[in-house]
């Protein structure tokens, strides 16, 4: 059975998560915490967040297949599932050719990794796959609980749902800046889009499929930033997140961006109220 993640979650890099923040996110009513930044195979951060909370789901977004051997990840999964049954969704993905010297035959690697998880007893309903293009989306539908697209738009969500079918989990990530000054909001959001994503071929290819040009991506032009970073007041941002749900997502996770090392809790509190949590 697929882990229950609710309709809304929070995406945050491993280095920016701890038990206290996890507990606050749960108190605010979000259904899931997504750990970004390729957490290591021991998945200690997952245990820490689950131990600090009572019922919220925790997912990885994502464990990198190149860096984390499937057998080690499977052992970590079973350890966590025994301690916190039904609360952990193992998100895995292939990563990016620019980041991995050993990157080769990515499709075969995905299939082989899922085969290894099968052999190690990781249930299909307890794992999900990072997927952007049609081929990997199809694999996520066949071999996992569903797909974890990243840096996408509601238009992509609609296309992904058509490929996944009605019975697979679709989790859309969307970046968020709570600022009613559009230019200032773009300047907060733009660095998180440029580095590293606009330099990675997987994301560039996907954004071009959605209609953006090479020149727009090279310039990190305003239309690109506006498409992948929701900004405005909390009501406007909530409306943008809800476009993913209307397009077929089961769950949307907000990656709140704040200037510098600002505290995310005030913004997450505002957004939770606007989402009706």
Protein backbone atom coordinates (compact mmCIF):
# COMPACT_ATOMS: atom_id res chain seq x y z
CA UNK A 1 0.00 0.00 0.00
CA UNK A 2 1.29 3.46 -0.91
CA UNK A 3 2.42 5.70 1.94
CA UNK A 4 -0.20 8.38 2.65
CA UNK A 5 1.30 11.82 1.99
CA UNK A 6 -1.77 14.04 1.96
CA UNK A 7 -2.26 16.86 -0.53
CA UNK A 8 0.51 19.25 0.49
CA UNK A 9 4.07 18.81 1.68
CA UNK A 10 7.33 20.65 2.25
CA UNK A 11 10.51 20.00 0.23
CA UNK A 12 13.77 20.98 1.89
CA UNK A 13 17.40 19.99 1.52
CA UNK A 14 18.80 17.53 4.03
CA UNK A 15 21.22 20.10 5.43
CA UNK A 16 18.31 22.44 6.20
CA UNK A 17 16.18 19.91 8.07
CA UNK A 18 16.16 18.85 11.70
CA UNK A 19 13.74 17.34 14.15
CA UNK A 20 12.48 20.66 15.51
CA UNK A 21 11.58 21.95 12.06
CA UNK A 22 9.98 18.62 11.16
CA UNK A 23 7.79 18.79 14.24
CA UNK A 24 6.72 22.32 13.36
CA UNK A 25 5.88 21.32 9.78
CA UNK A 26 3.71 18.53 11.16
CA UNK A 27 1.99 20.92 13.58
CA UNK A 28 1.15 23.21 10.65
CA UNK A 29 -0.79 20.41 8.97
CA UNK A 30 1.42 19.43 6.04
CA UNK A 31 1.18 15.78 5.07
CA UNK A 32 4.78 15.04 4.13
CA UNK A 33 8.36 16.21 4.42
CA UNK A 34 10.56 15.62 1.36
CA UNK A 35 14.31 15.37 1.90
CA UNK A 36 16.29 16.83 -0.98
CA UNK A 37 19.98 16.88 -1.77
CA UNK A 38 20.64 13.13 -2.30
CA UNK A 39 20.68 11.87 1.29
CA UNK A 40 23.17 9.02 1.85
CA UNK A 41 22.24 5.36 1.79
CA UNK A 42 22.09 4.96 5.56
CA UNK A 43 19.06 7.30 5.57
CA UNK A 44 19.80 8.47 9.08
CA UNK A 45 18.08 11.79 8.42
CA UNK A 46 14.84 9.92 7.67
CA UNK A 47 14.95 8.23 11.08
CA UNK A 48 15.71 11.54 12.79
CA UNK A 49 12.68 13.27 11.24
CA UNK A 50 10.33 10.36 11.87
CA UNK A 51 11.47 10.10 15.48
CA UNK A 52 10.76 13.81 16.01
CA UNK A 53 7.21 13.58 14.67
CA UNK A 54 4.09 11.52 15.31
CA UNK A 55 2.38 10.78 12.01
CA UNK A 56 3.67 12.88 9.11
CA UNK A 57 5.12 10.98 6.16
CA UNK A 58 8.76 11.43 5.17
CA UNK A 59 10.06 10.88 1.65
CA UNK A 60 13.43 11.12 -0.06
CA UNK A 61 13.60 13.33 -3.12
CA UNK A 62 15.78 11.68 -4.06
CA UNK A 63 18.29 8.94 -3.14
CA UNK A 64 20.80 8.98 -6.00
CA UNK A 65 21.19 5.56 -7.63
CA UNK A 66 24.83 6.20 -8.51
CA UNK A 67 25.87 7.18 -5.00
CA UNK A 68 23.76 4.80 -2.91
CA UNK A 69 23.89 1.04 -3.65
CA UNK A 70 20.46 -0.58 -3.79
CA UNK A 71 21.27 -3.30 -1.28
CA UNK A 72 22.41 -0.77 1.33
CA UNK A 73 19.37 1.43 0.70
CA UNK A 74 17.10 -1.60 1.01
CA UNK A 75 18.58 -2.48 4.40
CA UNK A 76 17.98 1.10 5.53
CA UNK A 77 14.41 0.96 4.25
CA UNK A 78 13.63 -2.20 6.21
CA UNK A 79 15.20 -0.77 9.37
CA UNK A 80 13.08 2.38 9.08
CA UNK A 81 9.90 0.56 8.14
CA UNK A 82 10.22 -1.68 11.18
CA UNK A 83 10.59 1.32 13.49
CA UNK A 84 8.06 3.61 11.78
CA UNK A 85 5.68 1.45 9.75
CA UNK A 86 3.88 3.07 6.84
CA UNK A 87 5.47 6.51 7.13
CA UNK A 88 8.46 6.38 4.79
CA UNK A 89 8.34 6.67 1.00
CA UNK A 90 11.66 5.83 -0.64
CA UNK A 91 12.18 8.18 -3.57
CA UNK A 92 15.04 7.16 -5.88
CA UNK A 93 16.43 8.63 -9.08
CA UNK A 94 19.20 8.52 -11.62
CA UNK A 95 20.73 11.94 -10.98
CA UNK A 96 22.45 13.91 -13.74
CA UNK A 97 25.23 13.16 -16.22
CA UNK A 98 27.01 16.41 -15.32
CA UNK A 99 27.31 15.30 -11.69
CA UNK A 100 28.45 11.71 -12.10
CA UNK A 101 31.51 10.56 -14.02
CA UNK A 102 30.16 6.98 -14.08
CA UNK A 103 26.87 8.09 -15.62
CA UNK A 104 26.12 5.71 -18.49
CA UNK A 105 23.10 3.85 -19.85
CA UNK A 106 20.77 5.58 -17.38
CA UNK A 107 17.63 3.71 -18.39
CA UNK A 108 19.27 0.33 -17.82
CA UNK A 109 20.60 1.57 -14.49
CA UNK A 110 17.11 2.57 -13.36
CA UNK A 111 15.67 -0.81 -14.30
CA UNK A 112 18.56 -2.68 -12.65
CA UNK A 113 18.24 -0.64 -9.46
CA UNK A 114 14.51 -1.35 -9.23
CA UNK A 115 15.23 -5.03 -9.85
CA UNK A 116 17.65 -4.97 -6.92
CA UNK A 117 15.05 -3.31 -4.67
CA UNK A 118 12.59 -6.01 -5.70
CA UNK A 119 15.09 -8.71 -4.81
CA UNK A 120 15.69 -7.06 -1.43
CA UNK A 121 11.97 -6.96 -0.61
CA UNK A 122 11.30 -3.22 -0.89
CA UNK A 123 7.59 -3.05 -1.78
CA UNK A 124 6.50 -1.33 -4.99
CA UNK A 125 4.03 0.76 -2.99
CA UNK A 126 6.77 2.11 -0.72
CA UNK A 127 9.01 3.56 -3.42
CA UNK A 128 8.72 6.25 -6.08
CA UNK A 129 10.89 7.35 -8.98
CA UNK A 130 12.20 10.76 -10.03
CA UNK A 131 10.83 11.17 -13.55
CA UNK A 132 10.50 13.93 -16.11
CA UNK A 133 10.38 12.44 -19.62
CA UNK A 134 7.81 10.00 -20.98
CA UNK A 135 10.05 6.93 -20.89
CA UNK A 136 10.96 7.19 -17.21
CA UNK A 137 7.44 8.27 -16.26
CA UNK A 138 6.23 5.01 -17.83
CA UNK A 139 8.74 3.04 -15.76
CA UNK A 140 7.59 4.79 -12.61
CA UNK A 141 4.03 3.68 -13.38
CA UNK A 142 5.08 0.09 -14.03
CA UNK A 143 7.62 -0.43 -11.24
CA UNK A 144 6.84 1.98 -8.37
CA UNK A 145 4.05 3.71 -6.48
CA UNK A 146 4.47 6.70 -8.78
CA UNK A 147 6.54 9.64 -9.94
CA UNK A 148 8.41 12.53 -8.32
CA UNK A 149 8.86 15.20 -11.00
CA UNK A 150 10.98 18.22 -10.00
CA UNK A 151 11.20 21.75 -11.40
CA UNK A 152 8.00 21.35 -13.33
CA UNK A 153 4.83 23.23 -14.18
CA UNK A 154 1.14 22.31 -14.08
CA UNK A 155 1.37 21.71 -17.84
CA UNK A 156 3.96 19.03 -17.20
CA UNK A 157 1.81 17.61 -14.40
CA UNK A 158 -1.08 17.19 -16.85
CA UNK A 159 1.17 15.35 -19.31
CA UNK A 160 2.64 13.19 -16.55
CA UNK A 161 -0.79 12.16 -15.31
CA UNK A 162 -1.75 11.04 -18.81
CA UNK A 163 1.30 8.77 -18.91
CA UNK A 164 1.01 7.45 -15.35
CA UNK A 165 -2.68 6.62 -15.52
CA UNK A 166 -5.17 7.21 -12.78
CA UNK A 167 -3.87 4.88 -10.10
CA UNK A 168 -0.28 6.01 -9.62
CA UNK A 169 0.99 8.62 -7.18
CA UNK A 170 2.06 11.91 -8.77
CA UNK A 171 3.99 14.33 -6.55
CA UNK A 172 4.83 17.74 -8.03
CA UNK A 173 7.53 19.97 -6.53
CA UNK A 174 7.16 23.74 -6.89
CA UNK A 175 9.37 26.53 -5.61
CA UNK A 176 7.74 29.30 -3.60
CA UNK A 177 8.67 32.88 -2.71
CA UNK A 178 6.29 34.82 -0.46
CA UNK A 179 6.88 38.35 -1.73
CA UNK A 180 4.39 40.62 -3.46
CA UNK A 181 7.11 42.54 -5.31
CA UNK A 182 7.53 40.50 -8.53
CA UNK A 183 11.03 41.64 -9.36
CA UNK A 184 12.34 41.12 -5.85
CA UNK A 185 10.63 37.72 -5.70
CA UNK A 186 12.27 36.69 -8.98
CA UNK A 187 15.66 37.72 -7.66
CA UNK A 188 15.10 35.50 -4.62
CA UNK A 189 14.00 32.58 -6.74
CA UNK A 190 16.35 32.90 -9.71
CA UNK A 191 19.58 31.61 -8.07
CA UNK A 192 17.84 28.42 -6.91
CA UNK A 193 16.73 27.76 -10.48
CA UNK A 194 20.00 28.65 -12.21
CA UNK A 195 22.23 26.62 -9.90
CA UNK A 196 22.35 23.86 -10.71
CA UNK A 197 19.20 23.16 -12.70
CA UNK A 198 19.52 25.38 -15.76
CA UNK A 199 22.96 23.87 -16.30
CA UNK A 200 21.65 20.29 -16.31
CA UNK A 201 20.58 18.73 -19.57
CA UNK A 202 17.68 16.73 -18.08
CA UNK A 203 15.94 19.84 -16.80
CA UNK A 204 16.76 21.94 -19.84
CA UNK A 205 15.33 19.27 -22.13
CA UNK A 206 12.16 19.08 -20.08
CA UNK A 207 11.67 22.84 -19.99
CA UNK A 208 12.19 23.02 -23.73
CA UNK A 209 9.53 20.34 -24.18
CA UNK A 210 7.25 22.73 -22.28
CA UNK A 211 7.96 25.51 -24.79
CA UNK A 212 10.89 27.49 -23.43
CA UNK A 213 13.78 28.37 -25.73
CA UNK A 214 17.50 27.84 -25.27
CA UNK A 215 17.95 31.61 -25.06
CA UNK A 216 15.34 31.92 -22.30
CA UNK A 217 17.02 29.16 -20.32
CA UNK A 218 20.49 30.64 -20.85
CA UNK A 219 19.24 33.98 -19.54
CA UNK A 220 17.05 32.55 -16.77
CA UNK A 221 14.45 34.85 -18.25
CA UNK A 222 11.47 36.09 -16.25
CA UNK A 223 8.98 33.74 -17.99
CA UNK A 224 11.09 30.75 -16.96
CA UNK A 225 11.34 31.91 -13.35
CA UNK A 226 7.63 32.74 -13.19
CA UNK A 227 6.77 29.26 -14.48
CA UNK A 228 8.73 27.33 -11.85
CA UNK A 229 8.73 29.74 -8.88
CA UNK A 230 5.35 30.71 -7.47
CA UNK A 231 5.46 34.19 -5.98
CA UNK A 232 3.13 36.75 -4.48
CA UNK A 233 1.15 36.67 -1.27
CA UNK A 234 0.21 33.38 0.35
CA UNK A 235 -3.16 33.24 -1.42
CA UNK A 236 -1.55 33.69 -4.85
CA UNK A 237 1.07 31.06 -4.12
CA UNK A 238 -1.55 28.61 -2.84
CA UNK A 239 -3.56 29.13 -6.03
CA UNK A 240 -0.49 28.29 -8.13
CA UNK A 241 0.19 25.12 -6.11
CA UNK A 242 -3.42 24.10 -6.53
CA UNK A 243 -3.01 24.29 -10.31
CA UNK A 244 -0.90 21.14 -10.01
CA UNK A 245 -3.72 19.37 -8.18
CA UNK A 246 -6.21 20.49 -10.81
CA UNK A 247 -3.85 19.16 -13.49
CA UNK A 248 -3.75 15.71 -11.92
CA UNK A 249 -1.18 15.73 -9.11
CA UNK A 250 -2.08 13.85 -5.94
CA UNK A 251 0.30 15.91 -3.85
CA UNK A 252 2.30 19.09 -4.29
CA UNK A 253 5.34 19.90 -2.19
CA UNK A 254 6.39 23.50 -1.70
CA UNK A 255 10.06 24.40 -1.65
CA UNK A 256 9.98 27.71 0.22
CA UNK A 257 12.83 30.03 -0.75
CA UNK A 258 13.78 32.81 1.65
CA UNK A 259 16.60 35.35 1.25
CA UNK A 260 19.86 34.31 2.87
CA UNK A 261 19.48 31.83 5.69
CA UNK A 262 16.11 33.16 6.79
CA UNK A 263 13.72 31.23 9.01
CA UNK A 264 11.24 29.25 6.87
CA UNK A 265 8.65 28.83 9.63
CA UNK A 266 6.83 32.17 9.19
CA UNK A 267 6.39 31.58 5.47
CA UNK A 268 5.33 27.96 5.93
CA UNK A 269 2.82 29.16 8.53
CA UNK A 270 1.33 31.72 6.14
CA UNK A 271 1.16 29.19 3.33
CA UNK A 272 -0.44 26.54 5.52
CA UNK A 273 -3.24 28.98 6.39
CA UNK A 274 -3.77 29.88 2.73
CA UNK A 275 -3.94 26.17 1.83
CA UNK A 276 -6.52 25.57 4.54
CA UNK A 277 -4.39 23.21 6.60
